[in-house]
């Protein structure tokens, strides 16, 4: 579910679920930072994709501004956080 759609359907989401979604979205770096972190770690898009559970072309889309959804969002944010700690 997209962020705007989630907000438009607020009446169907609990406040806790909406807050969780907003927090997860805020934890996602800007697309240029996503790419910088991956490249600083010397990972290909395919390698990062394998860690996240998506394809290399999907990582390319994420680095171009498309945002992951659901569990993929959580795994991608976690992977980027790990890279941030590793490479700064």
Protein backbone atom coordinates (compact mmCIF):
# COMPACT_ATOMS: atom_id res chain seq x y z
CA UNK A 1 0.00 0.00 0.00
CA UNK A 2 1.46 3.39 -0.95
CA UNK A 3 2.03 6.07 1.64
CA UNK A 4 -0.59 8.45 0.20
CA UNK A 5 -3.10 5.62 -0.05
CA UNK A 6 -2.43 4.66 3.55
CA UNK A 7 -3.05 8.22 4.66
CA UNK A 8 -6.22 8.47 2.60
CA UNK A 9 -7.49 5.26 4.23
CA UNK A 10 -6.59 6.43 7.73
CA UNK A 11 -10.04 5.53 8.98
CA UNK A 12 -9.24 1.89 8.25
CA UNK A 13 -5.88 1.91 10.05
CA UNK A 14 -5.27 2.15 13.75
CA UNK A 15 -3.24 5.10 14.93
CA UNK A 16 -0.44 2.72 15.90
CA UNK A 17 -0.37 1.16 12.42
CA UNK A 18 -0.32 4.58 10.77
CA UNK A 19 2.47 5.75 13.06
CA UNK A 20 4.44 2.59 12.31
CA UNK A 21 4.09 3.19 8.57
CA UNK A 22 5.21 6.82 8.88
CA UNK A 23 8.23 5.83 11.00
CA UNK A 24 9.27 3.17 8.47
CA UNK A 25 8.99 5.66 5.60
CA UNK A 26 11.01 8.27 7.49
CA UNK A 27 13.77 5.71 8.07
CA UNK A 28 14.18 5.28 4.31
CA UNK A 29 17.02 7.47 3.00
CA UNK A 30 16.69 9.59 -0.13
CA UNK A 31 17.31 7.67 -3.38
CA UNK A 32 20.75 9.21 -3.92
CA UNK A 33 21.79 8.16 -0.40
CA UNK A 34 20.53 4.63 -1.00
CA UNK A 35 22.85 4.35 -3.99
CA UNK A 36 25.76 6.02 -2.17
CA UNK A 37 25.54 3.53 0.67
CA UNK A 38 25.44 0.54 -1.66
CA UNK A 39 28.35 1.78 -3.73
CA UNK A 40 30.41 2.67 -0.63
CA UNK A 41 29.96 -0.93 0.51
CA UNK A 42 31.10 -2.09 -2.96
CA UNK A 43 27.92 -4.07 -3.51
CA UNK A 44 26.23 -4.55 -6.85
CA UNK A 45 22.51 -4.04 -7.13
CA UNK A 46 22.16 -7.81 -7.53
CA UNK A 47 24.14 -8.47 -4.34
CA UNK A 48 22.10 -6.03 -2.27
CA UNK A 49 18.93 -7.36 -3.86
CA UNK A 50 19.82 -10.91 -2.85
CA UNK A 51 20.24 -9.73 0.75
CA UNK A 52 16.92 -7.88 0.72
CA UNK A 53 15.07 -10.60 -1.19
CA UNK A 54 14.44 -8.68 -4.41
CA UNK A 55 16.12 -8.51 -7.83
CA UNK A 56 18.90 -6.17 -8.91
CA UNK A 57 16.51 -4.26 -11.20
CA UNK A 58 14.23 -3.72 -8.20
CA UNK A 59 17.13 -2.18 -6.26
CA UNK A 60 17.70 0.03 -9.31
CA UNK A 61 14.08 1.19 -9.07
CA UNK A 62 14.47 1.89 -5.35
CA UNK A 63 17.57 3.97 -6.10
CA UNK A 64 15.58 5.85 -8.75
CA UNK A 65 12.92 6.95 -6.30
CA UNK A 66 10.42 4.10 -6.12
CA UNK A 67 9.80 3.00 -2.55
CA UNK A 68 9.45 -0.60 -1.43
CA UNK A 69 6.25 -1.74 0.21
CA UNK A 70 5.42 -3.93 3.18
CA UNK A 71 8.01 -6.44 4.35
CA UNK A 72 10.35 -5.40 1.52
CA UNK A 73 10.41 -1.88 2.98
CA UNK A 74 11.42 -3.27 6.37
CA UNK A 75 14.18 -5.47 4.91
CA UNK A 76 15.51 -2.67 2.69
CA UNK A 77 15.59 -0.13 5.54
CA UNK A 78 17.37 -2.67 7.75
CA UNK A 79 19.94 -3.43 5.02
CA UNK A 80 20.59 0.28 4.43
CA UNK A 81 20.95 0.85 8.19
CA UNK A 82 23.53 -1.94 8.32
CA UNK A 83 25.41 -0.35 5.41
CA UNK A 84 25.27 3.05 7.10
CA UNK A 85 26.88 1.62 10.24
CA UNK A 86 29.50 -0.21 8.17
CA UNK A 87 30.55 2.55 5.79
CA UNK A 88 29.28 5.75 7.39
